[in-house]
Amino acid sequence: MDGYALFRQHLKTLILFALITTPFVVLPFFVMGIVRTRIIHISHEQSGIALLAQSRYLTPSPKKGSVSLNQIRRGINVGYDISVKRALREMGLRTSRFDRWIEQHPGTALSHIRYMPVASQQIVASTAVFIRKSNSKIDAKTAWREAAALVHYSAKYAVPYALTTAVAKVESTFDPDAMSSKGASGVMQVMWELHQRLLQANGITPTPGANPLADPEKAIAAGCLLLSRYIRAYGSVNSAMERYYGTSSEIYQRKVNRNVVNVMNHHTQFFK
């Protein structure tokens, strides 16, 4: 048998082997994918907080989908993602409006958006729309400031931004002027008198007036900082939420759970 004929014989053997073995190699992975999808779907229905650990959208990562502080310091302007432009357009606005808002609020998280990776910009855009849908009284500027702050400070303090967004929804429906009879104030309903030393040590200063956390971005920074501390101290989101709320409350946990799922559902629909 010459070399060419031998080559053809070996090639036929390899093709036959591949046809026979491929289903047995691929099928287990295909089944595992179906099972994993089903497990995540069930967890989604049962507990939004449990879902946080599995979600690729809702857990910030310093490598993917979060603001890089070094990137911001270097001044790498990647521009605004199409999702940001689309969300602004739906509100009758353009990206030029950001420049005006940034001038009005020095240090605002809005200034970080154009330096964010695409994944983070998409979350900001989706969250701004979610805030407006949750509370029609929130104006566009406040919604975008809150959305940018939720993504920025969640990444900074390593807290799932679905959780921080859900807490803001439950605590105040994103109202910066919200105040409780017990002294909690702002978007995240943080008690300034109780936490002022920690907050000021981390650069969070009070707003003059009756509501020390009337600035929505400072309020969000405060809430994210506290949630981060509690999660590290207690080792679980559920225990951290009890500490944040001040007591054990199944009703509060259910509300947060439900809103974590609502946030994820909204993001999923927004990205389609």
Protein backbone atom coordinates (compact mmCIF):
# COMPACT_ATOMS: atom_id res chain seq x y z
CA MET A 1 0.00 0.00 0.00
CA ASP A 2 1.54 3.33 -1.06
CA GLY A 3 1.78 6.35 1.27
CA TYR A 4 -1.26 8.15 -0.14
CA ALA A 5 -3.50 5.09 0.23
CA LEU A 6 -2.27 4.56 3.77
CA PHE A 7 -3.02 8.21 4.58
CA ARG A 8 -6.58 7.87 3.23
CA GLN A 9 -7.13 4.71 5.28
CA HIS A 10 -5.99 6.44 8.48
CA LEU A 11 -8.15 9.49 7.70
CA LYS A 12 -11.26 7.30 7.25
CA THR A 13 -10.53 5.58 10.56
CA LEU A 14 -10.20 8.92 12.39
CA ILE A 15 -13.44 10.27 10.92
CA LEU A 16 -15.32 7.10 11.87
CA PHE A 17 -13.92 7.27 15.40
CA ALA A 18 -14.96 10.91 15.73
CA LEU A 19 -18.50 10.20 14.55
CA ILE A 20 -18.89 7.38 17.04
CA THR A 21 -17.38 9.09 20.11
CA THR A 22 -18.52 12.72 19.71
CA PRO A 23 -22.07 12.19 21.07
CA PHE A 24 -20.68 10.53 24.19
CA VAL A 25 -18.25 13.40 24.77
CA VAL A 26 -20.63 16.29 24.07
CA LEU A 27 -23.86 14.93 25.57
CA PRO A 28 -22.76 15.01 29.24
CA PHE A 29 -21.77 18.68 28.94
CA PHE A 30 -25.05 19.49 27.18
CA VAL A 31 -27.04 17.81 29.96
CA MET A 32 -24.99 19.57 32.63
CA GLY A 33 -25.80 22.88 30.98
CA ILE A 34 -29.53 22.14 31.05
CA VAL A 35 -29.36 21.05 34.69
CA ARG A 36 -27.38 24.16 35.69
CA THR A 37 -29.86 26.43 33.88
CA ARG A 38 -32.74 24.75 35.65
CA ILE A 39 -31.07 25.06 39.08
CA ILE A 40 -30.40 28.77 38.56
CA HIS A 41 -33.98 29.32 37.40
CA ILE A 42 -35.35 27.62 40.53
CA SER A 43 -33.02 29.63 42.77
CA HIS A 44 -34.18 32.77 40.99
CA GLU A 45 -37.79 31.99 41.87
CA GLN A 46 -37.01 31.04 45.47
CA SER A 47 -34.47 33.59 46.63
CA GLY A 48 -33.04 36.67 45.00
CA ILE A 49 -30.27 36.91 47.58
CA ALA A 50 -29.22 33.30 46.94
CA LEU A 51 -29.08 34.13 43.24
CA LEU A 52 -26.51 36.88 43.77
CA ALA A 53 -23.69 34.38 44.16
CA GLN A 54 -24.54 32.78 40.80
CA SER A 55 -25.28 35.84 38.71
CA ARG A 56 -22.77 37.05 36.14
CA TYR A 57 -24.55 40.41 35.97
CA LEU A 58 -25.00 41.29 39.59
CA THR A 59 -21.71 40.60 41.36
CA PRO A 60 -19.12 43.27 40.59
CA SER A 61 -15.67 42.12 39.58
CA PRO A 62 -12.55 44.28 39.53
CA LYS A 63 -11.57 42.57 36.25
CA LYS A 64 -14.84 42.51 34.34
CA GLY A 65 -17.77 44.90 34.35
CA SER A 66 -16.61 47.30 37.08
CA VAL A 67 -15.00 50.71 37.18
CA SER A 68 -11.22 50.56 37.06
CA LEU A 69 -9.84 53.31 39.30
CA ASN A 70 -6.48 53.08 37.55
CA GLN A 71 -8.29 53.49 34.23
CA ILE A 72 -9.97 56.64 35.54
CA ARG A 73 -6.69 58.03 36.90
CA ARG A 74 -5.01 57.45 33.55
CA GLY A 75 -7.84 59.30 31.86
CA ILE A 76 -8.72 56.56 29.38
CA ASN A 77 -11.97 57.78 27.89
CA VAL A 78 -13.70 54.85 26.19
CA GLY A 79 -16.76 56.96 25.36
CA TYR A 80 -20.41 56.27 26.05
CA ASP A 81 -21.83 52.86 25.20
CA ILE A 82 -24.84 52.65 22.91
CA SER A 83 -26.95 51.45 25.85
CA VAL A 84 -26.32 54.75 27.65
CA LYS A 85 -27.22 56.75 24.56
CA ARG A 86 -30.38 54.68 24.05
CA ALA A 87 -31.55 55.12 27.65
CA LEU A 88 -30.90 58.87 27.48
CA ARG A 89 -32.72 59.11 24.16
CA GLU A 90 -35.77 57.40 25.68
CA MET A 91 -35.78 60.19 28.28
CA GLY A 92 -35.49 62.84 25.59
CA LEU A 93 -31.84 63.58 26.44
CA ARG A 94 -28.36 63.39 24.92
CA THR A 95 -24.96 62.61 26.43
CA SER A 96 -24.16 66.33 26.37
CA ARG A 97 -26.53 66.63 29.31
CA PHE A 98 -23.99 64.69 31.41
CA ASP A 99 -21.47 67.52 30.95
CA ARG A 100 -23.92 70.01 32.41
CA TRP A 101 -24.75 67.74 35.36
CA ILE A 102 -21.07 67.06 36.05
CA GLU A 103 -20.43 70.81 36.21
CA GLN A 104 -23.31 71.19 38.65
CA HIS A 105 -22.10 68.35 40.89
CA PRO A 106 -18.30 68.17 41.13
CA GLY A 107 -17.11 64.71 42.11
CA THR A 108 -20.28 63.04 40.85
CA ALA A 109 -20.12 59.39 39.81
CA LEU A 110 -21.51 60.53 36.46
CA SER A 111 -17.98 61.58 35.55
CA HIS A 112 -16.90 57.92 35.73
CA ILE A 113 -19.38 56.58 33.19
CA ARG A 114 -17.34 57.28 30.05
CA TYR A 115 -14.36 55.49 31.65
CA MET A 116 -16.35 52.40 32.62
CA PRO A 117 -16.17 49.10 30.74
CA VAL A 118 -19.16 48.42 28.50
CA ALA A 119 -20.71 45.95 30.97
CA SER A 120 -20.75 48.59 33.72
CA GLN A 121 -22.15 51.26 31.40
CA GLN A 122 -24.96 48.90 30.46
CA ILE A 123 -25.81 48.35 34.12
CA VAL A 124 -25.82 52.11 34.75
CA ALA A 125 -28.18 52.68 31.83
CA SER A 126 -30.46 49.84 32.87
CA THR A 127 -30.51 51.01 36.49
CA ALA A 128 -31.37 54.60 35.53
CA VAL A 129 -34.38 53.30 33.60
CA PHE A 130 -35.32 51.00 36.50
CA ILE A 131 -35.25 53.91 38.95
CA ARG A 132 -37.54 56.03 36.78
CA LYS A 133 -39.95 53.11 36.36
CA SER A 134 -39.95 52.46 40.11
CA ASN A 135 -40.60 56.07 41.04
CA SER A 136 -41.95 58.46 38.41
CA LYS A 137 -41.27 61.42 40.73
CA ILE A 138 -37.51 60.95 40.36
CA ASP A 139 -36.18 63.33 37.71
CA ALA A 140 -33.75 62.16 35.05
CA LYS A 141 -30.68 63.81 36.58
CA THR A 142 -31.27 62.21 39.97
CA ALA A 143 -31.95 58.82 38.38
CA TRP A 144 -28.68 58.89 36.46
CA ARG A 145 -26.71 60.15 39.47
CA GLU A 146 -28.14 57.36 41.60
CA ALA A 147 -27.55 54.72 38.92
CA ALA A 148 -23.94 55.76 38.41
CA ALA A 149 -23.37 55.87 42.18
CA LEU A 150 -24.91 52.43 42.71
CA VAL A 151 -22.58 50.86 40.15
CA HIS A 152 -19.51 52.85 41.20
CA TYR A 153 -19.78 52.39 44.97
CA SER A 154 -20.97 48.81 44.76
CA ALA A 155 -17.80 48.05 42.82
CA LYS A 156 -15.65 50.15 45.16
CA TYR A 157 -16.91 48.35 48.28
CA ALA A 158 -17.36 44.94 46.59
CA VAL A 159 -21.09 44.61 47.20
CA PRO A 160 -23.46 43.09 44.59
CA TYR A 161 -25.14 46.03 42.92
CA ALA A 162 -28.38 44.11 42.60
CA LEU A 163 -28.42 44.05 46.38
CA THR A 164 -27.66 47.75 46.81
CA THR A 165 -30.25 48.66 44.19
CA ALA A 166 -32.84 46.40 45.84
CA VAL A 167 -32.12 47.93 49.26
CA ALA A 168 -32.51 51.45 47.85
CA LYS A 169 -35.83 50.43 46.30
CA VAL A 170 -37.13 48.90 49.54
CA GLU A 171 -35.84 51.62 51.85
CA SER A 172 -36.90 54.76 49.97
CA THR A 173 -38.04 53.91 46.43
CA PHE A 174 -34.93 55.93 45.45
CA ASP A 175 -36.22 59.13 47.10
CA PRO A 176 -33.25 61.29 48.25
CA ASP A 177 -35.51 63.26 50.60
CA ALA A 178 -36.82 60.22 52.48
CA MET A 179 -36.52 60.47 56.27
CA SER A 180 -37.78 58.17 58.99
CA SER A 181 -39.02 59.00 62.48
CA LYS A 182 -36.06 57.00 63.86
CA GLY A 183 -33.46 59.22 62.22
CA ALA A 184 -32.69 57.25 59.05
CA SER A 185 -32.34 59.40 55.97
CA GLY A 186 -31.59 59.41 52.28
CA VAL A 187 -31.83 56.86 49.49
CA MET A 188 -30.42 54.02 51.61
CA GLN A 189 -32.02 55.17 54.90
CA VAL A 190 -28.75 55.33 56.84
CA MET A 191 -28.72 56.71 60.40
CA TRP A 192 -26.16 59.48 60.22
CA GLU A 193 -25.91 60.05 63.98
CA LEU A 194 -25.07 56.39 64.53
CA HIS A 195 -22.51 56.02 61.74
CA GLN A 196 -21.09 59.52 61.24
CA ARG A 197 -17.57 58.71 62.48
CA LEU A 198 -17.20 55.76 60.07
CA LEU A 199 -18.76 57.67 57.19
CA GLN A 200 -16.64 60.79 57.66
CA ALA A 201 -13.51 58.64 58.02
CA ASN A 202 -14.31 57.35 54.53
CA GLY A 203 -14.83 60.79 53.03
CA ILE A 204 -18.64 60.87 53.26
CA THR A 205 -19.55 64.30 54.61
CA PRO A 206 -23.02 65.47 55.68
CA THR A 207 -25.22 67.76 53.62
CA PRO A 208 -26.21 70.90 55.56
CA GLY A 209 -29.80 70.88 56.74
CA ALA A 210 -32.25 68.50 58.34
CA ASN A 211 -31.31 65.60 56.06
CA PRO A 212 -27.54 64.96 56.32
CA LEU A 213 -27.70 62.43 53.46
CA ALA A 214 -29.91 64.43 51.10
CA ASP A 215 -27.21 64.13 48.42
CA PRO A 216 -28.22 60.85 46.74
CA GLU A 217 -24.66 59.88 45.85
CA LYS A 218 -23.38 60.36 49.39
CA ALA A 219 -26.35 58.38 50.68
CA ILE A 220 -25.59 55.52 48.30
CA ALA A 221 -21.89 55.59 49.19
CA ALA A 222 -22.87 55.35 52.87
CA GLY A 223 -25.25 52.45 52.31
CA CYS A 224 -22.76 50.51 50.17
CA LEU A 225 -20.02 51.02 52.76
CA LEU A 226 -22.22 49.73 55.59
CA LEU A 227 -23.44 46.72 53.60
CA SER A 228 -19.86 45.85 52.73
CA ARG A 229 -18.79 46.02 56.38
CA TYR A 230 -21.73 43.92 57.53
CA ILE A 231 -21.26 41.24 54.88
CA ARG A 232 -17.59 40.87 55.85
CA ALA A 233 -18.37 40.91 59.57
CA TYR A 234 -21.24 38.41 59.53
CA GLY A 235 -20.21 36.23 56.60
CA SER A 236 -23.58 36.14 54.84
CA VAL A 237 -25.91 38.50 53.05
CA ASN A 238 -28.91 37.45 55.15
CA SER A 239 -27.14 38.23 58.43
CA ALA A 240 -25.81 41.48 56.99
CA MET A 241 -29.34 42.50 56.02
CA GLU A 242 -30.59 41.87 59.56
CA ARG A 243 -27.83 44.11 60.88
CA TYR A 244 -28.58 46.77 58.28
CA TYR A 245 -32.29 46.72 59.09
CA GLY A 246 -31.57 46.71 62.82
CA THR A 247 -33.40 43.50 63.66
CA SER A 248 -34.46 40.16 62.23
CA SER A 249 -37.41 40.58 59.89
CA GLU A 250 -38.70 37.98 57.44
CA ILE A 251 -40.89 40.63 55.80
CA TYR A 252 -37.87 42.84 55.12
CA GLN A 253 -35.84 39.90 53.80
CA ARG A 254 -38.68 38.93 51.46
CA LYS A 255 -38.97 42.48 50.16
CA VAL A 256 -35.25 42.66 49.43
CA ASN A 257 -35.31 39.19 47.85
CA ARG A 258 -38.21 40.12 45.62
CA ASN A 259 -36.52 43.31 44.48
CA VAL A 260 -33.22 41.57 43.75
CA VAL A 261 -35.17 39.34 41.37
CA ASN A 262 -36.96 42.38 39.93
CA VAL A 263 -33.63 44.09 39.29
CA MET A 264 -32.26 41.02 37.53
CA ASN A 265 -35.41 40.61 35.44
CA HIS A 266 -35.20 44.24 34.41
CA HIS A 267 -31.53 43.93 33.42
CA THR A 268 -32.27 40.79 31.43
CA GLN A 269 -35.06 42.53 29.49
CA PHE A 270 -32.96 45.67 29.00
CA PHE A 271 -30.07 43.72 27.46
CA LYS A 272 -32.26 41.92 24.91
